[in-house]
Amino acid sequence: MPEELENTEDTPTPEENTTPGENLHANDAPTEDELADIQAQLGAEQASLAEAQAALTERDARIAELEAQLAQITTDREAFASQLYEANDAHGQAVARYLEVVRAVNREIPAEHIAGATIEEIDASVERGQAIADAVRANLAAENKNARVPAGAPTRAVNLEGLTPDELIRLGISQQGGND
């Protein structure tokens, strides 16, 4: 006999070929214990499915909530962007008006020397222009100090000859500030 047929101890029997817990009858129908185990497994699977569906429902609700928040934030951002644009425009107009006023108030500084895109830049240009104007004034004052010009206009000599007495009286009164 060949060795293969002699070694029957290693070959599993039909009862050994089943998985643990499976004790099949002759018609392969599960026993009551196996049926109870299967029903318990089915119950656990259904509970797990219900939990997963509840989690999905919660997740969908959270997604809808977050999408609503995102839509509100987007709307708010657009409104804030519009307000920012208007504020920047108003600021630019205010700076331009400030520049006009500063140029009008500081006439001793040439207008082209007063410039800037911000109030701080305009103020700095006024300070530089004021320093230049002060230096020019000081130089002119020093030059004028050296060249003295008498104050007032020179008096005119009036020819009194040939004037009538009435004309002489009127001339005297007008020289003293009176009326004719």
C-alpha atoms as a PDB file:
ATOM      1  CA  MET A   1       0.000   0.000   0.000  1.00  0.00           C
ATOM      2  CA  PRO A   2       1.225   3.403  -0.733  1.00  0.00           C
ATOM      3  CA  GLU A   3       2.110   5.615   2.142  1.00  0.00           C
ATOM      4  CA  GLU A   4      -0.513   8.159   1.277  1.00  0.00           C
ATOM      5  CA  LEU A   5      -3.350   5.809   2.032  1.00  0.00           C
ATOM      6  CA  GLU A   6      -1.794   4.557   5.233  1.00  0.00           C
ATOM      7  CA  ASN A   7      -1.562   8.034   6.816  1.00  0.00           C
ATOM      8  CA  THR A   8      -5.226   8.664   7.556  1.00  0.00           C
ATOM      9  CA  GLU A   9      -4.607  10.167  10.931  1.00  0.00           C
ATOM     10  CA  ASP A  10      -3.716  13.602   9.447  1.00  0.00           C
ATOM     11  CA  THR A  11      -6.796  13.895   7.262  1.00  0.00           C
ATOM     12  CA  PRO A  12      -9.586  15.802   8.995  1.00  0.00           C
ATOM     13  CA  THR A  13     -12.975  14.206   9.353  1.00  0.00           C
ATOM     14  CA  PRO A  14     -16.097  16.120   8.270  1.00  0.00           C
ATOM     15  CA  GLU A  15     -16.779  17.040  11.877  1.00  0.00           C
ATOM     16  CA  GLU A  16     -13.228  18.420  12.282  1.00  0.00           C
ATOM     17  CA  ASN A  17     -13.545  20.427   9.028  1.00  0.00           C
ATOM     18  CA  THR A  18     -16.086  22.841  10.553  1.00  0.00           C
ATOM     19  CA  THR A  19     -15.185  26.093  12.269  1.00  0.00           C
ATOM     20  CA  PRO A  20     -15.581  26.315  16.029  1.00  0.00           C
ATOM     21  CA  GLY A  21     -19.151  26.921  17.038  1.00  0.00           C
ATOM     22  CA  GLU A  22     -20.439  25.276  13.897  1.00  0.00           C
ATOM     23  CA  ASN A  23     -22.014  22.041  14.665  1.00  0.00           C
ATOM     24  CA  LEU A  24     -23.998  21.272  11.589  1.00  0.00           C
ATOM     25  CA  HIS A  25     -26.724  18.739  11.492  1.00  0.00           C
ATOM     26  CA  ALA A  26     -27.116  16.354   8.711  1.00  0.00           C
ATOM     27  CA  ASN A  27     -29.176  18.896   6.702  1.00  0.00           C
ATOM     28  CA  ASP A  28     -26.694  21.764   7.411  1.00  0.00           C
ATOM     29  CA  ALA A  29     -29.251  23.769   9.445  1.00  0.00           C
ATOM     30  CA  PRO A  30     -27.894  25.771  12.422  1.00  0.00           C
ATOM     31  CA  THR A  31     -28.740  24.730  15.920  1.00  0.00           C
ATOM     32  CA  GLU A  32     -30.722  26.935  18.275  1.00  0.00           C
ATOM     33  CA  ASP A  33     -27.535  28.129  19.979  1.00  0.00           C
ATOM     34  CA  GLU A  34     -25.996  29.000  16.644  1.00  0.00           C
ATOM     35  CA  LEU A  35     -29.195  30.779  15.615  1.00  0.00           C
ATOM     36  CA  ALA A  36     -29.132  32.779  18.839  1.00  0.00           C
ATOM     37  CA  ASP A  37     -25.491  33.709  18.177  1.00  0.00           C
ATOM     38  CA  ILE A  38     -26.348  34.772  14.621  1.00  0.00           C
ATOM     39  CA  GLN A  39     -29.266  36.857  15.846  1.00  0.00           C
ATOM     40  CA  ALA A  40     -27.073  38.481  18.494  1.00  0.00           C
ATOM     41  CA  GLN A  41     -24.489  39.242  15.809  1.00  0.00           C
ATOM     42  CA  LEU A  42     -27.227  40.662  13.586  1.00  0.00           C
ATOM     43  CA  GLY A  43     -28.481  42.834  16.455  1.00  0.00           C
ATOM     44  CA  ALA A  44     -24.966  44.120  17.096  1.00  0.00           C
ATOM     45  CA  GLU A  45     -24.504  44.877  13.397  1.00  0.00           C
ATOM     46  CA  GLN A  46     -27.857  46.693  13.272  1.00  0.00           C
ATOM     47  CA  ALA A  47     -26.922  48.720  16.373  1.00  0.00           C
ATOM     48  CA  SER A  48     -23.577  49.561  14.794  1.00  0.00           C
ATOM     49  CA  LEU A  49     -25.363  50.574  11.580  1.00  0.00           C
ATOM     50  CA  ALA A  50     -27.781  52.765  13.553  1.00  0.00           C
ATOM     51  CA  GLU A  51     -24.849  54.425  15.336  1.00  0.00           C
ATOM     52  CA  ALA A  52     -23.099  55.034  12.007  1.00  0.00           C
ATOM     53  CA  GLN A  53     -26.269  56.527  10.523  1.00  0.00           C
ATOM     54  CA  ALA A  54     -26.708  58.766  13.577  1.00  0.00           C
ATOM     55  CA  ALA A  55     -23.084  59.897  13.244  1.00  0.00           C
ATOM     56  CA  LEU A  56     -23.645  60.632   9.556  1.00  0.00           C
ATOM     57  CA  THR A  57     -26.779  62.618  10.388  1.00  0.00           C
ATOM     58  CA  GLU A  58     -24.839  64.612  13.014  1.00  0.00           C
ATOM     59  CA  ARG A  59     -22.005  65.171  10.549  1.00  0.00           C
ATOM     60  CA  ASP A  60     -24.413  66.364   7.850  1.00  0.00           C
ATOM     61  CA  ALA A  61     -26.058  68.738  10.338  1.00  0.00           C
ATOM     62  CA  ARG A  62     -22.639  70.094  11.368  1.00  0.00           C
ATOM     63  CA  ILE A  63     -21.646  70.524   7.722  1.00  0.00           C
ATOM     64  CA  ALA A  64     -24.874  72.459   7.061  1.00  0.00           C
ATOM     65  CA  GLU A  65     -24.220  74.618  10.135  1.00  0.00           C
ATOM     66  CA  LEU A  66     -20.648  75.354   9.050  1.00  0.00           C
ATOM     67  CA  GLU A  67     -21.770  76.147   5.504  1.00  0.00           C
ATOM     68  CA  ALA A  68     -24.321  78.623   6.901  1.00  0.00           C
ATOM     69  CA  GLN A  69     -21.598  80.214   9.047  1.00  0.00           C
ATOM     70  CA  LEU A  70     -19.300  80.405   6.035  1.00  0.00           C
ATOM     71  CA  ALA A  71     -22.019  82.097   3.991  1.00  0.00           C
ATOM     72  CA  GLN A  72     -22.570  84.639   6.795  1.00  0.00           C
ATOM     73  CA  ILE A  73     -18.850  85.285   7.140  1.00  0.00           C
ATOM     74  CA  THR A  74     -18.549  85.760   3.382  1.00  0.00           C
ATOM     75  CA  THR A  75     -21.435  88.238   3.417  1.00  0.00           C
ATOM     76  CA  ASP A  76     -19.914  90.083   6.385  1.00  0.00           C
ATOM     77  CA  ARG A  77     -16.500  90.168   4.701  1.00  0.00           C
ATOM     78  CA  GLU A  78     -17.992  91.683   1.565  1.00  0.00           C
ATOM     79  CA  ALA A  79     -19.803  94.313   3.648  1.00  0.00           C
ATOM     80  CA  PHE A  80     -16.602  95.117   5.559  1.00  0.00           C
ATOM     81  CA  ALA A  81     -14.646  95.344   2.301  1.00  0.00           C
ATOM     82  CA  SER A  82     -17.196  97.824   0.980  1.00  0.00           C
ATOM     83  CA  GLN A  83     -17.004  99.876   4.177  1.00  0.00           C
ATOM     84  CA  LEU A  84     -13.218  99.793   4.056  1.00  0.00           C
ATOM     85  CA  TYR A  85     -13.251 101.034   0.460  1.00  0.00           C
ATOM     86  CA  GLU A  86     -15.593 103.883   1.430  1.00  0.00           C
ATOM     87  CA  ALA A  87     -13.459 104.749   4.462  1.00  0.00           C
ATOM     88  CA  ASN A  88     -10.275 104.773   2.362  1.00  0.00           C
ATOM     89  CA  ASP A  89     -11.980 107.000  -0.196  1.00  0.00           C
ATOM     90  CA  ALA A  90     -13.187 109.390   2.531  1.00  0.00           C
ATOM     91  CA  HIS A  91      -9.697 109.395   4.067  1.00  0.00           C
ATOM     92  CA  GLY A  92      -8.146 110.266   0.705  1.00  0.00           C
ATOM     93  CA  GLN A  93     -10.603 113.123   0.251  1.00  0.00           C
ATOM     94  CA  ALA A  94      -9.911 114.373   3.779  1.00  0.00           C
ATOM     95  CA  VAL A  95      -6.139 114.327   3.189  1.00  0.00           C
ATOM     96  CA  ALA A  96      -6.581 116.217  -0.105  1.00  0.00           C
ATOM     97  CA  ARG A  97      -8.735 118.839   1.635  1.00  0.00           C
ATOM     98  CA  TYR A  98      -6.201 119.094   4.472  1.00  0.00           C
ATOM     99  CA  LEU A  99      -3.462 119.681   1.884  1.00  0.00           C
ATOM    100  CA  GLU A 100      -5.486 122.522   0.341  1.00  0.00           C
ATOM    101  CA  VAL A 101      -6.068 124.145   3.741  1.00  0.00           C
ATOM    102  CA  VAL A 102      -2.413 123.849   4.764  1.00  0.00           C
ATOM    103  CA  ARG A 103      -1.307 125.429   1.483  1.00  0.00           C
ATOM    104  CA  ALA A 104      -3.796 128.287   1.964  1.00  0.00           C
ATOM    105  CA  VAL A 105      -2.683 128.916   5.547  1.00  0.00           C
ATOM    106  CA  ASN A 106       1.060 128.780   4.797  1.00  0.00           C
ATOM    107  CA  ARG A 107       1.331 131.245   1.940  1.00  0.00           C
ATOM    108  CA  GLU A 108       4.973 132.037   2.722  1.00  0.00           C
ATOM    109  CA  ILE A 109       5.860 128.463   1.642  1.00  0.00           C
ATOM    110  CA  PRO A 110       5.533 127.762  -2.106  1.00  0.00           C
ATOM    111  CA  ALA A 111       2.622 125.346  -2.737  1.00  0.00           C
ATOM    112  CA  GLU A 112       4.808 122.866  -4.624  1.00  0.00           C
ATOM    113  CA  HIS A 113       6.923 122.435  -1.473  1.00  0.00           C
ATOM    114  CA  ILE A 114       3.896 121.339   0.559  1.00  0.00           C
ATOM    115  CA  ALA A 115       2.997 117.815  -0.488  1.00  0.00           C
ATOM    116  CA  GLY A 116       2.267 114.335   0.833  1.00  0.00           C
ATOM    117  CA  ALA A 117      -0.124 111.398   0.676  1.00  0.00           C
ATOM    118  CA  THR A 118      -0.766 111.361   4.436  1.00  0.00           C
ATOM    119  CA  ILE A 119      -1.321 114.020   7.058  1.00  0.00           C
ATOM    120  CA  GLU A 120       2.043 113.163   8.621  1.00  0.00           C
ATOM    121  CA  GLU A 121       3.850 113.647   5.281  1.00  0.00           C
ATOM    122  CA  ILE A 122       2.077 116.973   4.715  1.00  0.00           C
ATOM    123  CA  ASP A 123       2.991 118.178   8.214  1.00  0.00           C
ATOM    124  CA  ALA A 124       6.624 117.153   7.657  1.00  0.00           C
ATOM    125  CA  SER A 125       6.757 119.075   4.358  1.00  0.00           C
ATOM    126  CA  VAL A 126       5.298 122.148   6.099  1.00  0.00           C
ATOM    127  CA  GLU A 127       7.993 121.913   8.777  1.00  0.00           C
ATOM    128  CA  ARG A 128      10.719 121.712   6.111  1.00  0.00           C
ATOM    129  CA  GLY A 129       9.169 124.612   4.171  1.00  0.00           C
ATOM    130  CA  GLN A 130       8.803 126.667   7.361  1.00  0.00           C
ATOM    131  CA  ALA A 131      12.471 126.080   8.166  1.00  0.00           C
ATOM    132  CA  ILE A 132      13.439 127.305   4.674  1.00  0.00           C
ATOM    133  CA  ALA A 133      11.143 130.352   4.961  1.00  0.00           C
ATOM    134  CA  ASP A 134      12.592 131.200   8.390  1.00  0.00           C
ATOM    135  CA  ALA A 135      16.134 130.973   7.007  1.00  0.00           C
ATOM    136  CA  VAL A 136      15.254 133.252   4.070  1.00  0.00           C
ATOM    137  CA  ARG A 137      13.584 135.742   6.431  1.00  0.00           C
ATOM    138  CA  ALA A 138      16.650 135.768   8.669  1.00  0.00           C
ATOM    139  CA  ASN A 139      18.951 136.391   5.665  1.00  0.00           C
ATOM    140  CA  LEU A 140      16.737 139.227   4.406  1.00  0.00           C
ATOM    141  CA  ALA A 141      16.611 140.790   7.863  1.00  0.00           C
ATOM    142  CA  ALA A 142      20.405 140.694   8.082  1.00  0.00           C
ATOM    143  CA  GLU A 143      20.711 142.345   4.665  1.00  0.00           C
ATOM    144  CA  ASN A 144      18.118 145.008   5.530  1.00  0.00           C
ATOM    145  CA  LYS A 145      19.887 145.791   8.777  1.00  0.00           C
ATOM    146  CA  ASN A 146      22.980 146.798   6.853  1.00  0.00           C
ATOM    147  CA  ALA A 147      21.133 148.988   4.340  1.00  0.00           C
ATOM    148  CA  ARG A 148      19.043 151.475   6.320  1.00  0.00           C
ATOM    149  CA  VAL A 149      16.363 153.332   4.426  1.00  0.00           C
ATOM    150  CA  PRO A 150      14.653 156.234   6.179  1.00  0.00           C
ATOM    151  CA  ALA A 151      11.042 155.611   6.987  1.00  0.00           C
ATOM    152  CA  GLY A 152       8.352 157.544   5.115  1.00  0.00           C
ATOM    153  CA  ALA A 153       8.365 159.484   1.875  1.00  0.00           C
ATOM    154  CA  PRO A 154      10.393 162.660   1.486  1.00  0.00           C
ATOM    155  CA  THR A 155       8.436 165.875   1.928  1.00  0.00           C
ATOM    156  CA  ARG A 156       7.645 167.906  -1.138  1.00  0.00           C
ATOM    157  CA  ALA A 157       8.403 171.527  -1.262  1.00  0.00           C
ATOM    158  CA  VAL A 158       5.318 173.579  -2.079  1.00  0.00           C
ATOM    159  CA  ASN A 159       5.735 176.827  -3.973  1.00  0.00           C
ATOM    160  CA  LEU A 160       3.715 179.278  -1.936  1.00  0.00           C
ATOM    161  CA  GLU A 161       4.262 182.179  -4.306  1.00  0.00           C
ATOM    162  CA  GLY A 162       1.329 183.097  -6.360  1.00  0.00           C
ATOM    163  CA  LEU A 163      -1.226 181.496  -4.018  1.00  0.00           C
ATOM    164  CA  THR A 164      -4.198 183.487  -2.855  1.00  0.00           C
ATOM    165  CA  PRO A 165      -4.876 183.818   0.837  1.00  0.00           C
ATOM    166  CA  ASP A 166      -7.796 181.328   0.565  1.00  0.00           C
ATOM    167  CA  GLU A 167      -5.504 178.770  -1.131  1.00  0.00           C
ATOM    168  CA  LEU A 168      -2.861 179.250   1.546  1.00  0.00           C
ATOM    169  CA  ILE A 169      -5.446 178.605   4.293  1.00  0.00           C
ATOM    170  CA  ARG A 170      -6.702 175.447   2.554  1.00  0.00           C
ATOM    171  CA  LEU A 171      -3.149 174.192   2.086  1.00  0.00           C
ATOM    172  CA  GLY A 172      -2.351 174.719   5.764  1.00  0.00           C
ATOM    173  CA  ILE A 173      -5.508 172.925   6.871  1.00  0.00           C
ATOM    174  CA  SER A 174      -4.863 169.963   4.491  1.00  0.00           C
ATOM    175  CA  GLN A 175      -1.308 169.579   5.775  1.00  0.00           C
ATOM    176  CA  GLN A 176      -2.625 169.278   9.328  1.00  0.00           C
ATOM    177  CA  GLY A 177      -5.190 166.630   8.328  1.00  0.00           C
ATOM    178  CA  GLY A 178      -8.310 168.726   8.104  1.00  0.00           C
ATOM    179  CA  ASN A 179     -10.935 168.900   5.345  1.00  0.00           C
ATOM    180  CA  ASP A 180     -11.491 171.715   2.868  1.00  0.00           C
END
